Amino acid sequence: MTPAHRDRAEPGALGLVLARSTRLLGAEPFFMEFITGMEESLVARDMSVLLHVVPTYEEEIAAYRRWTEGGLVDAVVVVNLTEGDRRPAVLRELGLPAVLVGTWRDDPGLPTVRTDDRGPVRDAMGRLAELGHRVIARVAGPRSLLHTQARTAAQQEECREAGIEAVVVDGDYTAESGARLTAELLKRNPRPTAILYDNDVMAVAGLATAKDLGLEVPADLSLIAWDDSTLCRLASPPLTTMTVDVHRYGVLVAEAALDHIDGRPAAERWSPTAHFVQRGTTGPAPA
């Protein structure tokens, strides 16, 4: 039974498969807020989000095949797009309605909710440069992700234009990688005087590591987290962030999926743009 043949008296579902550690999912607030936004748009249609967590992209594809065969979902949302991503082609082959979320370089042949990852990074680098920082590091997400690549390119471009050094290390969004990579960066010569983290969990861990190493934040080191959360606001000092309205992001994605399910033309949608929120972890570069 395909989604098109589902008994429309049955409640519908929008599928979301996350290829990631269940432990990480529990620690990172982003996806819970994202799903809440999706649910807000679906409730009036008596639909819900069917969430499935798997360890690999291959198992994610296998889940799409099972869902299609069983008619379990009306559409799926695909996140964390990668270089050479097979998932859009597989979903077109299956005939399973899908919405791609995030950075995508070409026309994927599927509805998308696009994200500007470059502009906010350039904004963050520019603000740090204005504060006198000359070596700026970033603890990035996995290199295979297209949004990671877009952020890295933007960081390098902005720093090159400003005549300052850009350093990038690859994290995996966990607190462990945030702590370990922060410690490694702070051993460099010259060491960075500012670090941007690609999520809140790594940033909070990095702040704790910097303090453990005897550095004062922001007098000795400025820090910025991508994605705001309660973790950032309760940190000491509270973390400066590149803040995204994640709830609104989820609402837009669900709206795009409903348009696709209903056969309406796919309108171009963009996720809310991350914007700089100054708190207690950014300041002038140390003299």
C-alpha atoms as a PDB file:
ATOM      1  CA  MET A   1       0.000   0.000   0.000  1.00  0.00           C
ATOM      2  CA  THR A   2       1.482   3.346  -1.057  1.00  0.00           C
ATOM      3  CA  PRO A   3       0.725   6.640   0.670  1.00  0.00           C
ATOM      4  CA  ALA A   4      -1.543   7.551  -2.279  1.00  0.00           C
ATOM      5  CA  HIS A   5      -3.744   4.503  -1.524  1.00  0.00           C
ATOM      6  CA  ARG A   6      -3.958   5.084   2.210  1.00  0.00           C
ATOM      7  CA  ASP A   7      -7.466   5.221   3.632  1.00  0.00           C
ATOM      8  CA  ARG A   8      -7.731   8.977   4.186  1.00  0.00           C
ATOM      9  CA  ALA A   9      -9.827   8.325   7.304  1.00  0.00           C
ATOM     10  CA  GLU A  10      -6.635   7.039   8.907  1.00  0.00           C
ATOM     11  CA  PRO A  11      -4.358   9.536  10.665  1.00  0.00           C
ATOM     12  CA  GLY A  12      -1.434  10.508   8.433  1.00  0.00           C
ATOM     13  CA  ALA A  13       2.238  10.715   9.257  1.00  0.00           C
ATOM     14  CA  LEU A  14       5.279  12.674   8.168  1.00  0.00           C
ATOM     15  CA  GLY A  15       8.415  10.548   8.475  1.00  0.00           C
ATOM     16  CA  LEU A  16      11.777  11.727   9.773  1.00  0.00           C
ATOM     17  CA  VAL A  17      14.720   9.323   9.859  1.00  0.00           C
ATOM     18  CA  LEU A  18      17.829  10.526  11.674  1.00  0.00           C
ATOM     19  CA  ALA A  19      21.103   8.741  11.006  1.00  0.00           C
ATOM     20  CA  ARG A  20      22.851   9.573  14.257  1.00  0.00           C
ATOM     21  CA  SER A  21      23.544   8.309  17.739  1.00  0.00           C
ATOM     22  CA  THR A  22      20.495   8.052  19.978  1.00  0.00           C
ATOM     23  CA  ARG A  23      22.722   9.325  22.806  1.00  0.00           C
ATOM     24  CA  LEU A  24      23.518  12.467  20.807  1.00  0.00           C
ATOM     25  CA  LEU A  25      19.860  12.994  19.957  1.00  0.00           C
ATOM     26  CA  GLY A  26      19.032  13.057  23.652  1.00  0.00           C
ATOM     27  CA  ALA A  27      21.734  15.648  24.377  1.00  0.00           C
ATOM     28  CA  GLU A  28      21.131  18.008  21.456  1.00  0.00           C
ATOM     29  CA  PRO A  29      18.008  20.222  21.767  1.00  0.00           C
ATOM     30  CA  PHE A  30      17.805  21.159  18.051  1.00  0.00           C
ATOM     31  CA  PHE A  31      15.792  18.227  16.715  1.00  0.00           C
ATOM     32  CA  MET A  32      13.280  18.146  19.546  1.00  0.00           C
ATOM     33  CA  GLU A  33      12.427  21.806  18.888  1.00  0.00           C
ATOM     34  CA  PHE A  34      12.398  21.165  15.126  1.00  0.00           C
ATOM     35  CA  ILE A  35       9.944  18.275  15.535  1.00  0.00           C
ATOM     36  CA  THR A  36       7.719  20.382  17.798  1.00  0.00           C
ATOM     37  CA  GLY A  37       7.440  22.960  15.012  1.00  0.00           C
ATOM     38  CA  MET A  38       6.544  20.250  12.515  1.00  0.00           C
ATOM     39  CA  GLU A  39       3.879  18.855  14.831  1.00  0.00           C
ATOM     40  CA  GLU A  40       2.306  22.309  15.177  1.00  0.00           C
ATOM     41  CA  SER A  41       1.613  22.405  11.434  1.00  0.00           C
ATOM     42  CA  LEU A  42       0.407  18.807  11.279  1.00  0.00           C
ATOM     43  CA  VAL A  43      -2.045  18.730  14.166  1.00  0.00           C
ATOM     44  CA  ALA A  44      -4.868  20.402  12.233  1.00  0.00           C
ATOM     45  CA  ARG A  45      -4.628  17.594   9.672  1.00  0.00           C
ATOM     46  CA  ASP A  46      -4.662  14.884  12.346  1.00  0.00           C
ATOM     47  CA  MET A  47      -1.113  13.998  11.317  1.00  0.00           C
ATOM     48  CA  SER A  48       1.981  13.367  13.389  1.00  0.00           C
ATOM     49  CA  VAL A  49       5.730  12.937  13.001  1.00  0.00           C
ATOM     50  CA  LEU A  50       7.013   9.374  12.800  1.00  0.00           C
ATOM     51  CA  LEU A  51      10.602   9.553  14.087  1.00  0.00           C
ATOM     52  CA  HIS A  52      13.084   6.750  13.503  1.00  0.00           C
ATOM     53  CA  VAL A  53      16.750   6.870  14.576  1.00  0.00           C
ATOM     54  CA  VAL A  54      19.312   4.662  12.821  1.00  0.00           C
ATOM     55  CA  PRO A  55      23.123   4.534  12.877  1.00  0.00           C
ATOM     56  CA  THR A  56      23.859   4.912   9.131  1.00  0.00           C
ATOM     57  CA  TYR A  57      22.523   6.450   5.929  1.00  0.00           C
ATOM     58  CA  GLU A  58      22.184   2.960   4.403  1.00  0.00           C
ATOM     59  CA  GLU A  59      19.822   1.991   7.198  1.00  0.00           C
ATOM     60  CA  GLU A  60      17.963   5.248   6.638  1.00  0.00           C
ATOM     61  CA  ILE A  61      17.399   4.245   3.001  1.00  0.00           C
ATOM     62  CA  ALA A  62      16.260   0.799   4.128  1.00  0.00           C
ATOM     63  CA  ALA A  63      13.711   2.487   6.400  1.00  0.00           C
ATOM     64  CA  TYR A  64      12.343   4.474   3.443  1.00  0.00           C
ATOM     65  CA  ARG A  65      11.872   1.236   1.503  1.00  0.00           C
ATOM     66  CA  ARG A  66       9.988  -0.377   4.411  1.00  0.00           C
ATOM     67  CA  TRP A  67       7.817   2.680   4.911  1.00  0.00           C
ATOM     68  CA  THR A  68       6.933   2.789   1.210  1.00  0.00           C
ATOM     69  CA  GLU A  69       6.055  -0.924   1.104  1.00  0.00           C
ATOM     70  CA  GLY A  70       3.897  -0.614   4.218  1.00  0.00           C
ATOM     71  CA  GLY A  71       2.305   2.741   3.334  1.00  0.00           C
ATOM     72  CA  LEU A  72       3.323   3.983   6.770  1.00  0.00           C
ATOM     73  CA  VAL A  73       3.948   7.644   5.922  1.00  0.00           C
ATOM     74  CA  ASP A  74       2.523  10.219   3.539  1.00  0.00           C
ATOM     75  CA  ALA A  75       5.889  11.927   3.008  1.00  0.00           C
ATOM     76  CA  VAL A  76       9.348  12.144   4.529  1.00  0.00           C
ATOM     77  CA  VAL A  77      11.670  14.950   5.559  1.00  0.00           C
ATOM     78  CA  VAL A  78      15.336  14.473   4.652  1.00  0.00           C
ATOM     79  CA  VAL A  79      17.955  16.311   6.708  1.00  0.00           C
ATOM     80  CA  ASN A  80      21.759  16.473   6.920  1.00  0.00           C
ATOM     81  CA  LEU A  81      22.327  16.371   3.162  1.00  0.00           C
ATOM     82  CA  THR A  82      25.763  15.085   2.155  1.00  0.00           C
ATOM     83  CA  GLU A  83      28.233  15.121  -0.704  1.00  0.00           C
ATOM     84  CA  GLY A  84      27.094  12.534  -3.271  1.00  0.00           C
ATOM     85  CA  ASP A  85      23.858  11.969  -1.336  1.00  0.00           C
ATOM     86  CA  ARG A  86      21.932   8.936  -2.693  1.00  0.00           C
ATOM     87  CA  ARG A  87      18.739   9.611  -0.788  1.00  0.00           C
ATOM     88  CA  PRO A  88      17.004  12.016  -3.220  1.00  0.00           C
ATOM     89  CA  ALA A  89      17.413   9.571  -6.129  1.00  0.00           C
ATOM     90  CA  VAL A  90      16.168   6.641  -4.028  1.00  0.00           C
ATOM     91  CA  LEU A  91      13.100   8.583  -2.903  1.00  0.00           C
ATOM     92  CA  ARG A  92      12.257   9.574  -6.473  1.00  0.00           C
ATOM     93  CA  GLU A  93      12.620   5.912  -7.492  1.00  0.00           C
ATOM     94  CA  LEU A  94      10.305   4.825  -4.667  1.00  0.00           C
ATOM     95  CA  GLY A  95       7.760   7.505  -5.481  1.00  0.00           C
ATOM     96  CA  LEU A  96       7.737   8.527  -1.834  1.00  0.00           C
ATOM     97  CA  PRO A  97       6.976  12.260  -1.451  1.00  0.00           C
ATOM     98  CA  ALA A  98       9.910  13.993   0.219  1.00  0.00           C
ATOM     99  CA  VAL A  99      11.136  17.424   1.258  1.00  0.00           C
ATOM    100  CA  LEU A 100      14.869  18.112   1.396  1.00  0.00           C
ATOM    101  CA  VAL A 101      15.984  20.362   4.236  1.00  0.00           C
ATOM    102  CA  GLY A 102      19.136  22.468   4.282  1.00  0.00           C
ATOM    103  CA  THR A 103      21.916  23.200   1.826  1.00  0.00           C
ATOM    104  CA  TRP A 104      21.687  21.710  -1.670  1.00  0.00           C
ATOM    105  CA  ARG A 105      23.827  22.867  -4.568  1.00  0.00           C
ATOM    106  CA  ASP A 106      21.747  21.868  -7.576  1.00  0.00           C
ATOM    107  CA  ASP A 107      18.105  21.181  -8.378  1.00  0.00           C
ATOM    108  CA  PRO A 108      17.369  17.873  -6.611  1.00  0.00           C
ATOM    109  CA  GLY A 109      14.043  17.346  -8.361  1.00  0.00           C
ATOM    110  CA  LEU A 110      12.264  17.450  -4.997  1.00  0.00           C
ATOM    111  CA  PRO A 111      10.784  20.262  -2.888  1.00  0.00           C
ATOM    112  CA  THR A 112      13.361  21.896  -0.638  1.00  0.00           C
ATOM    113  CA  VAL A 113      13.497  24.182   2.366  1.00  0.00           C
ATOM    114  CA  ARG A 114      16.855  25.819   1.837  1.00  0.00           C
ATOM    115  CA  THR A 115      19.219  27.217   4.449  1.00  0.00           C
ATOM    116  CA  ASP A 116      21.640  30.129   4.217  1.00  0.00           C
ATOM    117  CA  ASP A 117      24.703  28.759   5.973  1.00  0.00           C
ATOM    118  CA  ARG A 118      27.179  31.144   4.386  1.00  0.00           C
ATOM    119  CA  GLY A 119      25.801  34.540   5.357  1.00  0.00           C
ATOM    120  CA  PRO A 120      25.649  33.946   9.117  1.00  0.00           C
ATOM    121  CA  VAL A 121      29.210  32.561   9.201  1.00  0.00           C
ATOM    122  CA  ARG A 122      30.501  35.602   7.363  1.00  0.00           C
ATOM    123  CA  ASP A 123      28.614  37.786   9.837  1.00  0.00           C
ATOM    124  CA  ALA A 124      30.175  35.989  12.824  1.00  0.00           C
ATOM    125  CA  MET A 125      33.685  36.195  11.331  1.00  0.00           C
ATOM    126  CA  GLY A 126      33.213  39.875  10.513  1.00  0.00           C
ATOM    127  CA  ARG A 127      32.111  40.704  14.044  1.00  0.00           C
ATOM    128  CA  LEU A 128      35.092  38.865  15.524  1.00  0.00           C
ATOM    129  CA  ALA A 129      37.468  40.604  13.113  1.00  0.00           C
ATOM    130  CA  GLU A 130      36.056  43.980  14.188  1.00  0.00           C
ATOM    131  CA  LEU A 131      36.885  43.013  17.771  1.00  0.00           C
ATOM    132  CA  GLY A 132      40.522  42.552  16.756  1.00  0.00           C
ATOM    133  CA  HIS A 133      40.703  38.752  16.547  1.00  0.00           C
ATOM    134  CA  ARG A 134      43.378  37.658  14.072  1.00  0.00           C
ATOM    135  CA  VAL A 135      43.236  33.855  14.470  1.00  0.00           C
ATOM    136  CA  ILE A 136      39.675  32.509  14.437  1.00  0.00           C
ATOM    137  CA  ALA A 137      38.935  28.793  14.751  1.00  0.00           C
ATOM    138  CA  ARG A 138      35.808  26.780  14.133  1.00  0.00           C
ATOM    139  CA  VAL A 139      34.837  23.424  15.600  1.00  0.00           C
ATOM    140  CA  ALA A 140      32.774  22.192  12.669  1.00  0.00           C
ATOM    141  CA  GLY A 141      30.314  19.377  12.166  1.00  0.00           C
ATOM    142  CA  PRO A 142      31.168  16.336  10.026  1.00  0.00           C
ATOM    143  CA  ARG A 143      32.961  17.336   6.835  1.00  0.00           C
ATOM    144  CA  SER A 144      30.683  15.235   4.589  1.00  0.00           C
ATOM    145  CA  LEU A 145      27.649  17.438   5.349  1.00  0.00           C
ATOM    146  CA  LEU A 146      26.873  20.056   2.724  1.00  0.00           C
ATOM    147  CA  HIS A 147      26.024  22.681   5.318  1.00  0.00           C
ATOM    148  CA  THR A 148      29.394  22.087   7.007  1.00  0.00           C
ATOM    149  CA  GLN A 149      31.130  22.609   3.667  1.00  0.00           C
ATOM    150  CA  ALA A 150      29.177  25.806   3.028  1.00  0.00           C
ATOM    151  CA  ARG A 151      30.077  27.186   6.446  1.00  0.00           C
ATOM    152  CA  THR A 152      33.744  26.308   5.985  1.00  0.00           C
ATOM    153  CA  ALA A 153      33.891  28.025   2.594  1.00  0.00           C
ATOM    154  CA  ALA A 154      32.254  31.137   4.053  1.00  0.00           C
ATOM    155  CA  GLN A 155      34.653  31.216   7.006  1.00  0.00           C
ATOM    156  CA  GLN A 156      37.691  30.924   4.764  1.00  0.00           C
ATOM    157  CA  GLU A 157      36.427  33.593   2.355  1.00  0.00           C
ATOM    158  CA  GLU A 158      35.604  36.106   5.072  1.00  0.00           C
ATOM    159  CA  CYS A 159      38.873  35.556   6.923  1.00  0.00           C
ATOM    160  CA  ARG A 160      40.912  35.767   3.716  1.00  0.00           C
ATOM    161  CA  GLU A 161      39.261  39.059   2.786  1.00  0.00           C
ATOM    162  CA  ALA A 162      39.926  40.398   6.293  1.00  0.00           C
ATOM    163  CA  GLY A 163      43.548  39.231   6.246  1.00  0.00           C
ATOM    164  CA  ILE A 164      43.184  36.956   9.260  1.00  0.00           C
ATOM    165  CA  GLU A 165      43.856  33.261   9.835  1.00  0.00           C
ATOM    166  CA  ALA A 166      41.012  30.718   9.709  1.00  0.00           C
ATOM    167  CA  VAL A 167      41.404  27.337  11.423  1.00  0.00           C
ATOM    168  CA  VAL A 168      38.865  24.503  11.006  1.00  0.00           C
ATOM    169  CA  VAL A 169      38.721  21.202  12.904  1.00  0.00           C
ATOM    170  CA  ASP A 170      36.135  18.479  12.356  1.00  0.00           C
ATOM    171  CA  GLY A 171      33.822  17.625  15.243  1.00  0.00           C
ATOM    172  CA  ASP A 172      30.786  15.354  15.463  1.00  0.00           C
ATOM    173  CA  TYR A 173      28.391  17.532  17.507  1.00  0.00           C
ATOM    174  CA  THR A 174      29.152  15.681  20.765  1.00  0.00           C
ATOM    175  CA  ALA A 175      30.361  17.240  24.003  1.00  0.00           C
ATOM    176  CA  GLU A 176      33.380  14.931  23.877  1.00  0.00           C
ATOM    177  CA  SER A 177      34.522  16.285  20.524  1.00  0.00           C
ATOM    178  CA  GLY A 178      33.866  19.866  21.621  1.00  0.00           C
ATOM    179  CA  ALA A 179      36.057  19.437  24.695  1.00  0.00           C
ATOM    180  CA  ARG A 180      38.849  17.506  22.956  1.00  0.00           C
ATOM    181  CA  LEU A 181      39.097  19.792  19.938  1.00  0.00           C
ATOM    182  CA  THR A 182      39.010  22.935  22.074  1.00  0.00           C
ATOM    183  CA  ALA A 183      41.942  21.622  24.096  1.00  0.00           C
ATOM    184  CA  GLU A 184      43.853  20.854  20.880  1.00  0.00           C
ATOM    185  CA  LEU A 185      43.148  24.288  19.422  1.00  0.00           C
ATOM    186  CA  LEU A 186      44.362  26.012  22.565  1.00  0.00           C
ATOM    187  CA  LYS A 187      47.727  24.226  22.255  1.00  0.00           C
ATOM    188  CA  ARG A 188      48.352  25.764  18.822  1.00  0.00           C
ATOM    189  CA  ASN A 189      50.937  28.471  18.292  1.00  0.00           C
ATOM    190  CA  PRO A 190      49.574  30.995  17.648  1.00  0.00           C
ATOM    191  CA  ARG A 191      46.476  29.898  19.449  1.00  0.00           C
ATOM    192  CA  PRO A 192      43.081  31.176  18.330  1.00  0.00           C
ATOM    193  CA  THR A 193      41.580  34.004  20.329  1.00  0.00           C
ATOM    194  CA  ALA A 194      38.054  33.159  19.144  1.00  0.00           C
ATOM    195  CA  ILE A 195      36.211  29.907  18.347  1.00  0.00           C
ATOM    196  CA  LEU A 196      32.880  29.344  16.585  1.00  0.00           C
ATOM    197  CA  TYR A 197      31.167  25.989  17.251  1.00  0.00           C
ATOM    198  CA  ASP A 198      28.721  24.359  14.851  1.00  0.00           C
ATOM    199  CA  ASN A 199      26.301  23.452  17.637  1.00  0.00           C
ATOM    200  CA  ASP A 200      25.456  24.328  21.211  1.00  0.00           C
ATOM    201  CA  VAL A 201      26.596  21.063  22.818  1.00  0.00           C
ATOM    202  CA  MET A 202      30.172  21.390  21.521  1.00  0.00           C
ATOM    203  CA  ALA A 203      30.255  25.054  22.521  1.00  0.00           C
ATOM    204  CA  VAL A 204      29.217  24.425  26.124  1.00  0.00           C
ATOM    205  CA  ALA A 205      31.867  21.696  26.394  1.00  0.00           C
ATOM    206  CA  GLY A 206      34.440  24.027  24.841  1.00  0.00           C
ATOM    207  CA  LEU A 207      33.641  26.737  27.369  1.00  0.00           C
ATOM    208  CA  ALA A 208      34.164  24.298  30.237  1.00  0.00           C
ATOM    209  CA  THR A 209      37.478  23.149  28.740  1.00  0.00           C
ATOM    210  CA  ALA A 210      38.753  26.705  28.323  1.00  0.00           C
ATOM    211  CA  LYS A 211      37.957  27.457  31.953  1.00  0.00           C
ATOM    212  CA  ASP A 212      39.618  24.213  33.080  1.00  0.00           C
ATOM    213  CA  LEU A 213      42.765  25.335  31.240  1.00  0.00           C
ATOM    214  CA  GLY A 214      42.791  28.588  33.179  1.00  0.00           C
ATOM    215  CA  LEU A 215      41.526  30.906  30.452  1.00  0.00           C
ATOM    216  CA  GLU A 216      39.060  33.676  31.168  1.00  0.00           C
ATOM    217  CA  VAL A 217      36.145  33.973  28.754  1.00  0.00           C
ATOM    218  CA  PRO A 218      35.898  36.428  27.055  1.00  0.00           C
ATOM    219  CA  ALA A 219      39.040  38.244  28.269  1.00  0.00           C
ATOM    220  CA  ASP A 220      41.383  35.543  26.906  1.00  0.00           C
ATOM    221  CA  LEU A 221      39.096  33.730  24.472  1.00  0.00           C
ATOM    222  CA  SER A 222      35.831  34.568  22.717  1.00  0.00           C
ATOM    223  CA  LEU A 223      33.316  31.809  21.962  1.00  0.00           C
ATOM    224  CA  ILE A 224      30.210  31.630  19.760  1.00  0.00           C
ATOM    225  CA  ALA A 225      27.732  28.735  19.522  1.00  0.00           C
ATOM    226  CA  TRP A 226      25.615  27.945  16.482  1.00  0.00           C
ATOM    227  CA  ASP A 227      22.006  27.318  17.593  1.00  0.00           C
ATOM    228  CA  ASP A 228      20.684  28.863  20.757  1.00  0.00           C
ATOM    229  CA  SER A 229      19.294  26.713  23.550  1.00  0.00           C
ATOM    230  CA  THR A 230      18.764  26.614  27.275  1.00  0.00           C
ATOM    231  CA  LEU A 231      22.266  25.118  27.501  1.00  0.00           C
ATOM    232  CA  CYS A 232      23.706  28.339  26.067  1.00  0.00           C
ATOM    233  CA  ARG A 233      21.625  30.662  28.206  1.00  0.00           C
ATOM    234  CA  LEU A 234      22.442  28.822  31.454  1.00  0.00           C
ATOM    235  CA  ALA A 235      26.189  28.573  30.779  1.00  0.00           C
ATOM    236  CA  SER A 236      28.491  30.762  32.858  1.00  0.00           C
ATOM    237  CA  PRO A 237      29.020  33.194  31.268  1.00  0.00           C
ATOM    238  CA  PRO A 238      26.014  32.803  28.929  1.00  0.00           C
ATOM    239  CA  LEU A 239      27.130  31.894  25.423  1.00  0.00           C
ATOM    240  CA  THR A 240      26.956  34.291  22.520  1.00  0.00           C
ATOM    241  CA  THR A 241      25.117  32.497  19.705  1.00  0.00           C
ATOM    242  CA  MET A 242      24.172  32.443  16.066  1.00  0.00           C
ATOM    243  CA  THR A 243      20.492  31.969  16.849  1.00  0.00           C
ATOM    244  CA  VAL A 244      17.990  30.218  14.588  1.00  0.00           C
ATOM    245  CA  ASP A 245      14.219  30.075  15.119  1.00  0.00           C
ATOM    246  CA  VAL A 246      14.236  26.274  15.054  1.00  0.00           C
ATOM    247  CA  HIS A 247      10.539  25.974  15.881  1.00  0.00           C
ATOM    248  CA  ARG A 248       9.625  28.165  12.891  1.00  0.00           C
ATOM    249  CA  TYR A 249      12.022  26.086  10.790  1.00  0.00           C
ATOM    250  CA  GLY A 250      10.007  22.959  11.632  1.00  0.00           C
ATOM    251  CA  VAL A 251       6.724  24.737  10.813  1.00  0.00           C
ATOM    252  CA  LEU A 252       8.026  25.704   7.346  1.00  0.00           C
ATOM    253  CA  VAL A 253       9.227  22.180   6.617  1.00  0.00           C
ATOM    254  CA  ALA A 254       5.872  20.653   7.540  1.00  0.00           C
ATOM    255  CA  GLU A 255       4.067  23.241   5.390  1.00  0.00           C
ATOM    256  CA  ALA A 256       6.261  22.290   2.428  1.00  0.00           C
ATOM    257  CA  ALA A 257       5.495  18.610   3.007  1.00  0.00           C
ATOM    258  CA  LEU A 258       1.743  19.261   3.156  1.00  0.00           C
ATOM    259  CA  ASP A 259       1.902  21.197  -0.123  1.00  0.00           C
ATOM    260  CA  HIS A 260       3.703  18.243  -1.699  1.00  0.00           C
ATOM    261  CA  ILE A 261       1.229  15.695  -0.317  1.00  0.00           C
ATOM    262  CA  ASP A 262      -1.700  17.761  -1.596  1.00  0.00           C
ATOM    263  CA  GLY A 263      -0.192  18.148  -5.055  1.00  0.00           C
ATOM    264  CA  ARG A 264       0.258  21.905  -4.825  1.00  0.00           C
ATOM    265  CA  PRO A 265       3.218  23.500  -6.642  1.00  0.00           C
ATOM    266  CA  ALA A 266       6.282  23.594  -4.450  1.00  0.00           C
ATOM    267  CA  ALA A 267       6.902  27.173  -3.329  1.00  0.00           C
ATOM    268  CA  GLU A 268      10.520  28.106  -2.660  1.00  0.00           C
ATOM    269  CA  ARG A 269      11.003  28.236   1.070  1.00  0.00           C
ATOM    270  CA  TRP A 270      14.003  29.327   3.118  1.00  0.00           C
ATOM    271  CA  SER A 271      14.583  28.458   6.745  1.00  0.00           C
ATOM    272  CA  PRO A 272      14.896  31.344   9.232  1.00  0.00           C
ATOM    273  CA  THR A 273      18.379  32.868   8.943  1.00  0.00           C
ATOM    274  CA  ALA A 274      20.715  32.555  11.912  1.00  0.00           C
ATOM    275  CA  HIS A 275      21.440  35.911  13.545  1.00  0.00           C
ATOM    276  CA  PHE A 276      24.042  37.063  16.040  1.00  0.00           C
ATOM    277  CA  VAL A 277      22.984  37.339  19.695  1.00  0.00           C
ATOM    278  CA  GLN A 278      25.602  38.920  21.926  1.00  0.00           C
ATOM    279  CA  ARG A 279      25.938  37.481  25.409  1.00  0.00           C
ATOM    280  CA  GLY A 280      28.843  36.998  27.758  1.00  0.00           C
ATOM    281  CA  THR A 281      31.403  35.008  25.775  1.00  0.00           C
ATOM    282  CA  THR A 282      32.571  37.480  23.118  1.00  0.00           C
ATOM    283  CA  GLY A 283      34.774  40.515  23.555  1.00  0.00           C
ATOM    284  CA  PRO A 284      37.847  42.258  22.197  1.00  0.00           C
ATOM    285  CA  ALA A 285      40.858  40.135  21.349  1.00  0.00           C
ATOM    286  CA  PRO A 286      43.420  39.992  24.153  1.00  0.00           C
ATOM    287  CA  ALA A 287      46.239  42.510  23.792  1.00  0.00           C
END
